[in-house]
Amino acid sequence: MHQVVFAWVAYDLTGSGAIVGAVLGFRALPILLLAPFSGVAADRYSRRTLLVWSSLINAVMAGCMGALVAAKGLATWHLFVFIWIVGATHVFDRTTRQASIQDLVPQSAVMNAVALNTIAFSLMRVLSPVLAGYLLAWFTAAINFYIQGLLYVAAIVLVSLIHFPQPARQERDNSFWQSLTAGMRYAMSDRLTRTLFLFTAVPFFFLIPVWNTLLPIYAKHEFKVGPEGLGWLFAAVGIGGLLGGVVAAGLSRFDRLGAV
């Protein structure tokens, strides 16, 4: 929902694809800068607390954006502030969620758990953009932001019900910087980790910002479909991720996952 509403509002406010691209590209900065710290935080501190705080901050930001849109006081600089804060919270949220999978399921089920998590995430990337697009067409962007805020509150309640194991004693004994430098040394020295980083970084920094910028422009000027059409365009990306998750679940016993 966030991607559809934000992309539509940003382009509707500025009318400039260049500014929309700059705003969406700005989101990559906190991800690039904070990603190493998020991994250490997920190992050292309560994962429930990290998830609750990230959802709480996102709920507050969604409410603020909704209020600004409703009051017609939204300015371009608000977009940069919003996308920076949301990008920063998403770093800690996604890292903590991924790190929690192996603690919440048996080791033999980790691969399937990761695949199911991908399927669930991709399913929401199909349904949520469509819902956001129709809500934009039927109501207003402010209503969309308010609904996002309520969904984050619901996420806080659900996360609070999950029992997370305590951080390992070794992580608590090391200083934050010791853990950070150890993790970075391992990432740089391990070939598989470097390869996975490359496969993740290239689409995230060079492909995702491009289509996120182009989709609202194509929806308005090429396809002339309105916000509901934009929702379906974003949903198509989720459909690809959903199919990929299904394939990954079926390959859990495949010996050469690196080749895949």
C-alpha atoms as a PDB file:
ATOM      1  CA  MET A   1       0.000   0.000   0.000  1.00  0.00           C
ATOM      2  CA  HIS A   2       2.797   2.376   0.903  1.00  0.00           C
ATOM      3  CA  GLN A   3       4.510   2.136  -2.488  1.00  0.00           C
ATOM      4  CA  VAL A   4       1.364   2.780  -4.508  1.00  0.00           C
ATOM      5  CA  VAL A   5       0.080   5.675  -2.423  1.00  0.00           C
ATOM      6  CA  PHE A   6       3.469   7.316  -2.003  1.00  0.00           C
ATOM      7  CA  ALA A   7       4.372   7.048  -5.697  1.00  0.00           C
ATOM      8  CA  TRP A   8       0.973   8.440  -6.733  1.00  0.00           C
ATOM      9  CA  VAL A   9       1.046  11.292  -4.211  1.00  0.00           C
ATOM     10  CA  ALA A  10       4.666  12.192  -5.025  1.00  0.00           C
ATOM     11  CA  TYR A  11       4.017  12.396  -8.763  1.00  0.00           C
ATOM     12  CA  ASP A  12       0.670  14.146  -8.296  1.00  0.00           C
ATOM     13  CA  LEU A  13       2.321  16.745  -6.035  1.00  0.00           C
ATOM     14  CA  THR A  14       5.437  17.434  -8.104  1.00  0.00           C
ATOM     15  CA  GLY A  15       4.475  16.441 -11.643  1.00  0.00           C
ATOM     16  CA  SER A  16       8.135  15.613 -12.162  1.00  0.00           C
ATOM     17  CA  GLY A  17       9.506  12.164 -12.798  1.00  0.00           C
ATOM     18  CA  ALA A  18      12.975  13.439 -11.881  1.00  0.00           C
ATOM     19  CA  ILE A  19      11.835  14.552  -8.425  1.00  0.00           C
ATOM     20  CA  VAL A  20       9.948  11.307  -7.855  1.00  0.00           C
ATOM     21  CA  GLY A  21      13.077   9.396  -8.845  1.00  0.00           C
ATOM     22  CA  ALA A  22      15.190  11.513  -6.491  1.00  0.00           C
ATOM     23  CA  VAL A  23      12.783  10.935  -3.616  1.00  0.00           C
ATOM     24  CA  LEU A  24      12.617   7.177  -4.191  1.00  0.00           C
ATOM     25  CA  GLY A  25      16.383   7.004  -4.664  1.00  0.00           C
ATOM     26  CA  PHE A  26      16.802   8.871  -1.384  1.00  0.00           C
ATOM     27  CA  ARG A  27      15.202   5.868   0.316  1.00  0.00           C
ATOM     28  CA  ALA A  28      18.253   3.782  -0.568  1.00  0.00           C
ATOM     29  CA  LEU A  29      20.579   5.953   1.531  1.00  0.00           C
ATOM     30  CA  PRO A  30      19.410   4.835   4.988  1.00  0.00           C
ATOM     31  CA  ILE A  31      19.332   1.265   3.729  1.00  0.00           C
ATOM     32  CA  LEU A  32      22.920   1.525   2.511  1.00  0.00           C
ATOM     33  CA  LEU A  33      24.141   3.286   5.658  1.00  0.00           C
ATOM     34  CA  LEU A  34      22.189   1.431   8.327  1.00  0.00           C
ATOM     35  CA  ALA A  35      22.049  -2.143   7.019  1.00  0.00           C
ATOM     36  CA  PRO A  36      25.237  -3.279   8.856  1.00  0.00           C
ATOM     37  CA  PHE A  37      23.988  -1.731  12.097  1.00  0.00           C
ATOM     38  CA  SER A  38      20.586  -3.392  11.761  1.00  0.00           C
ATOM     39  CA  GLY A  39      22.165  -6.848  11.691  1.00  0.00           C
ATOM     40  CA  VAL A  40      24.138  -6.186  14.857  1.00  0.00           C
ATOM     41  CA  ALA A  41      21.059  -4.726  16.556  1.00  0.00           C
ATOM     42  CA  ALA A  42      19.026  -7.827  15.651  1.00  0.00           C
ATOM     43  CA  ASP A  43      21.681 -10.021  17.300  1.00  0.00           C
ATOM     44  CA  ARG A  44      22.222  -7.909  20.413  1.00  0.00           C
ATOM     45  CA  TYR A  45      18.833  -6.507  21.375  1.00  0.00           C
ATOM     46  CA  SER A  46      15.298  -7.774  21.836  1.00  0.00           C
ATOM     47  CA  ARG A  47      13.880  -8.548  18.418  1.00  0.00           C
ATOM     48  CA  ARG A  48      10.358  -7.999  19.654  1.00  0.00           C
ATOM     49  CA  THR A  49      11.328  -4.496  20.782  1.00  0.00           C
ATOM     50  CA  LEU A  50      12.971  -3.699  17.444  1.00  0.00           C
ATOM     51  CA  LEU A  51       9.914  -4.851  15.500  1.00  0.00           C
ATOM     52  CA  VAL A  52       7.488  -3.010  17.773  1.00  0.00           C
ATOM     53  CA  TRP A  53       9.416   0.248  17.555  1.00  0.00           C
ATOM     54  CA  SER A  54       9.807   0.077  13.779  1.00  0.00           C
ATOM     55  CA  SER A  55       6.064  -0.518  13.366  1.00  0.00           C
ATOM     56  CA  LEU A  56       5.246   2.241  15.852  1.00  0.00           C
ATOM     57  CA  ILE A  57       7.408   4.772  14.006  1.00  0.00           C
ATOM     58  CA  ASN A  58       5.839   3.754  10.690  1.00  0.00           C
ATOM     59  CA  ALA A  59       2.358   4.122  12.184  1.00  0.00           C
ATOM     60  CA  VAL A  60       3.176   7.647  13.385  1.00  0.00           C
ATOM     61  CA  MET A  61       4.684   8.604  10.016  1.00  0.00           C
ATOM     62  CA  ALA A  62       1.654   7.266   8.138  1.00  0.00           C
ATOM     63  CA  GLY A  63      -0.634   9.286  10.400  1.00  0.00           C
ATOM     64  CA  CYS A  64       1.447  12.438   9.858  1.00  0.00           C
ATOM     65  CA  MET A  65       1.403  11.971   6.087  1.00  0.00           C
ATOM     66  CA  GLY A  66      -2.346  11.455   6.166  1.00  0.00           C
ATOM     67  CA  ALA A  67      -2.813  14.647   8.177  1.00  0.00           C
ATOM     68  CA  LEU A  68      -0.592  16.652   5.810  1.00  0.00           C
ATOM     69  CA  VAL A  69      -2.438  15.379   2.747  1.00  0.00           C
ATOM     70  CA  ALA A  70      -5.843  16.045   4.329  1.00  0.00           C
ATOM     71  CA  ALA A  71      -4.804  19.586   5.307  1.00  0.00           C
ATOM     72  CA  LYS A  72      -3.299  20.185   1.830  1.00  0.00           C
ATOM     73  CA  GLY A  73      -0.044  21.115   3.526  1.00  0.00           C
ATOM     74  CA  LEU A  74       2.185  18.477   1.945  1.00  0.00           C
ATOM     75  CA  ALA A  75       5.409  19.869   0.470  1.00  0.00           C
ATOM     76  CA  THR A  76       8.192  18.220  -1.496  1.00  0.00           C
ATOM     77  CA  TRP A  77      10.600  18.278   1.447  1.00  0.00           C
ATOM     78  CA  HIS A  78       8.069  16.284   3.474  1.00  0.00           C
ATOM     79  CA  LEU A  79       8.463  13.477   0.934  1.00  0.00           C
ATOM     80  CA  PHE A  80      12.219  13.303   1.520  1.00  0.00           C
ATOM     81  CA  VAL A  81      11.831  13.281   5.299  1.00  0.00           C
ATOM     82  CA  PHE A  82       9.107  10.640   5.160  1.00  0.00           C
ATOM     83  CA  ILE A  83      10.961   8.323   2.798  1.00  0.00           C
ATOM     84  CA  TRP A  84      14.182   8.612   4.826  1.00  0.00           C
ATOM     85  CA  ILE A  85      12.506   7.660   8.108  1.00  0.00           C
ATOM     86  CA  VAL A  86      10.461   4.865   6.541  1.00  0.00           C
ATOM     87  CA  GLY A  87      13.558   3.540   4.770  1.00  0.00           C
ATOM     88  CA  ALA A  88      15.498   3.522   8.043  1.00  0.00           C
ATOM     89  CA  THR A  89      12.774   1.685   9.957  1.00  0.00           C
ATOM     90  CA  HIS A  90      12.327  -0.843   7.159  1.00  0.00           C
ATOM     91  CA  VAL A  91      16.035  -1.717   7.369  1.00  0.00           C
ATOM     92  CA  PHE A  92      15.719  -2.775  10.995  1.00  0.00           C
ATOM     93  CA  ASP A  93      12.302  -4.351  10.447  1.00  0.00           C
ATOM     94  CA  ARG A  94      13.261  -6.541   7.482  1.00  0.00           C
ATOM     95  CA  THR A  95      16.619  -7.565   8.962  1.00  0.00           C
ATOM     96  CA  THR A  96      15.064  -8.500  12.291  1.00  0.00           C
ATOM     97  CA  ARG A  97      12.253 -10.470  10.653  1.00  0.00           C
ATOM     98  CA  GLN A  98      14.642 -12.448   8.477  1.00  0.00           C
ATOM     99  CA  ALA A  99      16.998 -13.127  11.394  1.00  0.00           C
ATOM    100  CA  SER A 100      14.097 -14.322  13.547  1.00  0.00           C
ATOM    101  CA  ILE A 101      13.034 -17.103  11.186  1.00  0.00           C
ATOM    102  CA  GLN A 102      15.776 -19.538  12.219  1.00  0.00           C
ATOM    103  CA  ASP A 103      14.969 -18.922  15.898  1.00  0.00           C
ATOM    104  CA  LEU A 104      11.249 -19.583  15.554  1.00  0.00           C
ATOM    105  CA  VAL A 105      11.310 -22.836  13.545  1.00  0.00           C
ATOM    106  CA  PRO A 106      13.401 -26.055  13.687  1.00  0.00           C
ATOM    107  CA  GLN A 107      16.627 -25.991  11.685  1.00  0.00           C
ATOM    108  CA  SER A 108      15.263 -28.580   9.253  1.00  0.00           C
ATOM    109  CA  ALA A 109      12.345 -26.277   8.425  1.00  0.00           C
ATOM    110  CA  VAL A 110      14.297 -23.047   7.897  1.00  0.00           C
ATOM    111  CA  MET A 111      14.327 -23.289   4.096  1.00  0.00           C
ATOM    112  CA  ASN A 112      10.588 -23.885   3.938  1.00  0.00           C
ATOM    113  CA  ALA A 113       9.995 -21.138   6.500  1.00  0.00           C
ATOM    114  CA  VAL A 114      11.976 -18.660   4.404  1.00  0.00           C
ATOM    115  CA  ALA A 115      10.034 -19.700   1.311  1.00  0.00           C
ATOM    116  CA  LEU A 116       6.686 -19.386   3.108  1.00  0.00           C
ATOM    117  CA  ASN A 117       7.711 -15.981   4.419  1.00  0.00           C
ATOM    118  CA  THR A 118       8.553 -14.947   0.863  1.00  0.00           C
ATOM    119  CA  ILE A 119       5.204 -16.260  -0.371  1.00  0.00           C
ATOM    120  CA  ALA A 120       3.295 -14.393   2.349  1.00  0.00           C
ATOM    121  CA  PHE A 121       5.242 -11.201   1.681  1.00  0.00           C
ATOM    122  CA  SER A 122       4.709 -11.498  -2.073  1.00  0.00           C
ATOM    123  CA  LEU A 123       1.012 -12.284  -1.610  1.00  0.00           C
ATOM    124  CA  MET A 124       0.643  -9.012   0.266  1.00  0.00           C
ATOM    125  CA  ARG A 125       2.557  -7.308  -2.555  1.00  0.00           C
ATOM    126  CA  VAL A 126      -0.180  -8.546  -4.874  1.00  0.00           C
ATOM    127  CA  LEU A 127      -3.225  -7.776  -2.736  1.00  0.00           C
ATOM    128  CA  SER A 128      -2.107  -4.573  -0.991  1.00  0.00           C
ATOM    129  CA  PRO A 129      -1.283  -2.522  -4.128  1.00  0.00           C
ATOM    130  CA  VAL A 130      -4.625  -3.433  -5.687  1.00  0.00           C
ATOM    131  CA  LEU A 131      -6.444  -2.459  -2.490  1.00  0.00           C
ATOM    132  CA  ALA A 132      -4.449   0.769  -2.226  1.00  0.00           C
ATOM    133  CA  GLY A 133      -5.208   1.670  -5.836  1.00  0.00           C
ATOM    134  CA  TYR A 134      -8.949   1.221  -5.436  1.00  0.00           C
ATOM    135  CA  LEU A 135      -8.958   3.065  -2.105  1.00  0.00           C
ATOM    136  CA  LEU A 136      -7.189   5.948  -3.847  1.00  0.00           C
ATOM    137  CA  ALA A 137      -9.800   5.932  -6.588  1.00  0.00           C
ATOM    138  CA  TRP A 138     -12.762   5.669  -4.203  1.00  0.00           C
ATOM    139  CA  PHE A 139     -11.562   7.852  -1.324  1.00  0.00           C
ATOM    140  CA  THR A 140      -8.405   9.928  -0.781  1.00  0.00           C
ATOM    141  CA  ALA A 141      -4.692   9.455  -0.224  1.00  0.00           C
ATOM    142  CA  ALA A 142      -5.175  10.605   3.372  1.00  0.00           C
ATOM    143  CA  ILE A 143      -7.559   7.691   4.046  1.00  0.00           C
ATOM    144  CA  ASN A 144      -4.942   5.353   2.595  1.00  0.00           C
ATOM    145  CA  PHE A 145      -2.274   6.643   4.945  1.00  0.00           C
ATOM    146  CA  TYR A 146      -4.599   6.349   7.941  1.00  0.00           C
ATOM    147  CA  ILE A 147      -5.361   2.731   7.035  1.00  0.00           C
ATOM    148  CA  GLN A 148      -1.633   2.022   6.788  1.00  0.00           C
ATOM    149  CA  GLY A 149      -1.193   3.447  10.273  1.00  0.00           C
ATOM    150  CA  LEU A 150      -3.900   1.158  11.642  1.00  0.00           C
ATOM    151  CA  LEU A 151      -2.294  -1.853   9.973  1.00  0.00           C
ATOM    152  CA  TYR A 152       1.016  -1.034  11.641  1.00  0.00           C
ATOM    153  CA  VAL A 153      -0.780  -0.890  14.988  1.00  0.00           C
ATOM    154  CA  ALA A 154      -2.229  -4.346  14.260  1.00  0.00           C
ATOM    155  CA  ALA A 155       1.306  -5.562  13.470  1.00  0.00           C
ATOM    156  CA  ILE A 156       2.477  -4.304  16.867  1.00  0.00           C
ATOM    157  CA  VAL A 157      -0.234  -6.340  18.589  1.00  0.00           C
ATOM    158  CA  LEU A 158       0.625  -9.510  16.646  1.00  0.00           C
ATOM    159  CA  VAL A 159       4.382  -9.197  17.205  1.00  0.00           C
ATOM    160  CA  SER A 160       3.789  -8.711  20.932  1.00  0.00           C
ATOM    161  CA  LEU A 161       2.205 -12.171  21.058  1.00  0.00           C
ATOM    162  CA  ILE A 162       5.297 -13.944  19.664  1.00  0.00           C
ATOM    163  CA  HIS A 163       7.946 -15.353  22.014  1.00  0.00           C
ATOM    164  CA  PHE A 164      11.428 -14.454  20.803  1.00  0.00           C
ATOM    165  CA  PRO A 165      14.535 -16.102  22.327  1.00  0.00           C
ATOM    166  CA  GLN A 166      17.001 -13.900  24.189  1.00  0.00           C
ATOM    167  CA  PRO A 167      20.126 -12.713  22.313  1.00  0.00           C
ATOM    168  CA  ALA A 168      23.099 -15.069  22.549  1.00  0.00           C
ATOM    169  CA  ARG A 169      25.412 -14.367  25.487  1.00  0.00           C
ATOM    170  CA  GLN A 170      28.419 -14.065  23.192  1.00  0.00           C
ATOM    171  CA  GLU A 171      26.734 -11.214  21.340  1.00  0.00           C
ATOM    172  CA  ARG A 172      25.947  -9.433  24.610  1.00  0.00           C
ATOM    173  CA  ASP A 173      29.548  -9.847  25.823  1.00  0.00           C
ATOM    174  CA  ASN A 174      31.041  -8.255  22.700  1.00  0.00           C
ATOM    175  CA  SER A 175      30.771  -4.514  22.196  1.00  0.00           C
ATOM    176  CA  PHE A 176      28.525  -3.167  19.442  1.00  0.00           C
ATOM    177  CA  TRP A 177      31.535  -2.167  17.337  1.00  0.00           C
ATOM    178  CA  GLN A 178      33.245  -5.516  17.835  1.00  0.00           C
ATOM    179  CA  SER A 179      30.155  -7.286  16.537  1.00  0.00           C
ATOM    180  CA  LEU A 180      29.868  -4.845  13.636  1.00  0.00           C
ATOM    181  CA  THR A 181      33.482  -5.195  12.492  1.00  0.00           C
ATOM    182  CA  ALA A 182      33.394  -8.983  12.914  1.00  0.00           C
ATOM    183  CA  GLY A 183      30.300  -9.202  10.747  1.00  0.00           C
ATOM    184  CA  MET A 184      31.784  -6.956   8.058  1.00  0.00           C
ATOM    185  CA  ARG A 185      35.043  -8.941   8.012  1.00  0.00           C
ATOM    186  CA  TYR A 186      33.107 -12.164   7.572  1.00  0.00           C
ATOM    187  CA  ALA A 187      30.952 -10.676   4.808  1.00  0.00           C
ATOM    188  CA  MET A 188      34.018  -9.474   2.919  1.00  0.00           C
ATOM    189  CA  SER A 189      35.970 -12.723   3.333  1.00  0.00           C
ATOM    190  CA  ASP A 190      33.180 -15.201   2.525  1.00  0.00           C
ATOM    191  CA  ARG A 191      32.652 -15.725  -1.198  1.00  0.00           C
ATOM    192  CA  LEU A 192      29.036 -16.879  -0.892  1.00  0.00           C
ATOM    193  CA  THR A 193      28.085 -13.864   1.221  1.00  0.00           C
ATOM    194  CA  ARG A 194      29.719 -11.468  -1.257  1.00  0.00           C
ATOM    195  CA  THR A 195      27.865 -13.121  -4.118  1.00  0.00           C
ATOM    196  CA  LEU A 196      24.515 -12.947  -2.338  1.00  0.00           C
ATOM    197  CA  PHE A 197      25.155  -9.294  -1.517  1.00  0.00           C
ATOM    198  CA  LEU A 198      25.817  -8.555  -5.185  1.00  0.00           C
ATOM    199  CA  PHE A 199      22.669 -10.375  -6.315  1.00  0.00           C
ATOM    200  CA  THR A 200      20.645  -8.399  -3.776  1.00  0.00           C
ATOM    201  CA  ALA A 201      22.260  -4.995  -4.283  1.00  0.00           C
ATOM    202  CA  VAL A 202      22.058  -4.787  -8.075  1.00  0.00           C
ATOM    203  CA  PRO A 203      18.256  -5.035  -8.427  1.00  0.00           C
ATOM    204  CA  PHE A 204      17.618  -3.018  -5.269  1.00  0.00           C
ATOM    205  CA  PHE A 205      19.751  -0.028  -6.253  1.00  0.00           C
ATOM    206  CA  PHE A 206      19.450  -0.124 -10.052  1.00  0.00           C
ATOM    207  CA  LEU A 207      16.131  -1.769 -10.961  1.00  0.00           C
ATOM    208  CA  ILE A 208      13.567  -1.251  -8.198  1.00  0.00           C
ATOM    209  CA  PRO A 209      13.958   2.580  -8.048  1.00  0.00           C
ATOM    210  CA  VAL A 210      13.586   2.750 -11.830  1.00  0.00           C
ATOM    211  CA  TRP A 211      10.298   0.898 -12.077  1.00  0.00           C
ATOM    212  CA  ASN A 212       8.938   2.532  -8.918  1.00  0.00           C
ATOM    213  CA  THR A 213       9.570   5.886 -10.611  1.00  0.00           C
ATOM    214  CA  LEU A 214       8.231   4.906 -14.019  1.00  0.00           C
ATOM    215  CA  LEU A 215       5.061   3.110 -12.936  1.00  0.00           C
ATOM    216  CA  PRO A 216       3.059   6.204 -11.839  1.00  0.00           C
ATOM    217  CA  ILE A 217       4.174   8.031 -15.003  1.00  0.00           C
ATOM    218  CA  TYR A 218       3.140   5.143 -17.239  1.00  0.00           C
ATOM    219  CA  ALA A 219      -0.139   4.730 -15.372  1.00  0.00           C
ATOM    220  CA  LYS A 220      -1.083   8.388 -15.861  1.00  0.00           C
ATOM    221  CA  HIS A 221       0.257   9.212 -19.308  1.00  0.00           C
ATOM    222  CA  GLU A 222       0.741   5.980 -21.252  1.00  0.00           C
ATOM    223  CA  PHE A 223      -1.996   3.659 -19.993  1.00  0.00           C
ATOM    224  CA  LYS A 224      -4.298   6.404 -18.616  1.00  0.00           C
ATOM    225  CA  VAL A 225      -5.621   4.018 -15.981  1.00  0.00           C
ATOM    226  CA  GLY A 226      -5.671   6.083 -12.772  1.00  0.00           C
ATOM    227  CA  PRO A 227      -4.640   4.928  -9.284  1.00  0.00           C
ATOM    228  CA  GLU A 228      -6.439   1.591  -9.523  1.00  0.00           C
ATOM    229  CA  GLY A 229      -4.409   0.781 -12.629  1.00  0.00           C
ATOM    230  CA  LEU A 230      -1.228   1.789 -10.824  1.00  0.00           C
ATOM    231  CA  GLY A 231      -2.150  -0.682  -8.094  1.00  0.00           C
ATOM    232  CA  TRP A 232      -2.383  -3.480 -10.645  1.00  0.00           C
ATOM    233  CA  LEU A 233       1.006  -2.515 -12.114  1.00  0.00           C
ATOM    234  CA  PHE A 234       2.630  -2.797  -8.696  1.00  0.00           C
ATOM    235  CA  ALA A 235       0.733  -6.035  -8.089  1.00  0.00           C
ATOM    236  CA  ALA A 236       2.367  -7.564 -11.179  1.00  0.00           C
ATOM    237  CA  VAL A 237       5.734  -7.284  -9.409  1.00  0.00           C
ATOM    238  CA  GLY A 238       4.280  -9.109  -6.409  1.00  0.00           C
ATOM    239  CA  ILE A 239       2.961 -11.873  -8.663  1.00  0.00           C
ATOM    240  CA  GLY A 240       6.512 -12.512  -9.873  1.00  0.00           C
ATOM    241  CA  GLY A 241       7.752 -12.682  -6.288  1.00  0.00           C
ATOM    242  CA  LEU A 242       4.908 -15.006  -5.354  1.00  0.00           C
ATOM    243  CA  LEU A 243       5.768 -17.426  -8.152  1.00  0.00           C
ATOM    244  CA  GLY A 244       9.438 -17.267  -7.145  1.00  0.00           C
ATOM    245  CA  GLY A 245       8.545 -18.119  -3.547  1.00  0.00           C
ATOM    246  CA  VAL A 246       6.502 -21.125  -4.655  1.00  0.00           C
ATOM    247  CA  VAL A 247       9.419 -22.384  -6.751  1.00  0.00           C
ATOM    248  CA  ALA A 248      11.847 -21.829  -3.842  1.00  0.00           C
ATOM    249  CA  ALA A 249       9.622 -23.855  -1.517  1.00  0.00           C
ATOM    250  CA  GLY A 250       9.676 -26.725  -4.010  1.00  0.00           C
ATOM    251  CA  LEU A 251      13.474 -26.611  -4.188  1.00  0.00           C
ATOM    252  CA  SER A 252      14.073 -26.940  -0.446  1.00  0.00           C
ATOM    253  CA  ARG A 253      15.710 -30.359  -0.944  1.00  0.00           C
ATOM    254  CA  PHE A 254      17.624 -29.385  -4.071  1.00  0.00           C
ATOM    255  CA  ASP A 255      21.379 -29.837  -3.572  1.00  0.00           C
ATOM    256  CA  ARG A 256      22.628 -27.067  -5.849  1.00  0.00           C
ATOM    257  CA  LEU A 257      20.699 -24.028  -4.643  1.00  0.00           C
ATOM    258  CA  GLY A 258      23.620 -21.821  -5.615  1.00  0.00           C
ATOM    259  CA  ALA A 259      23.087 -22.718  -9.268  1.00  0.00           C
ATOM    260  CA  VAL A 260      19.423 -21.753  -8.948  1.00  0.00           C
END
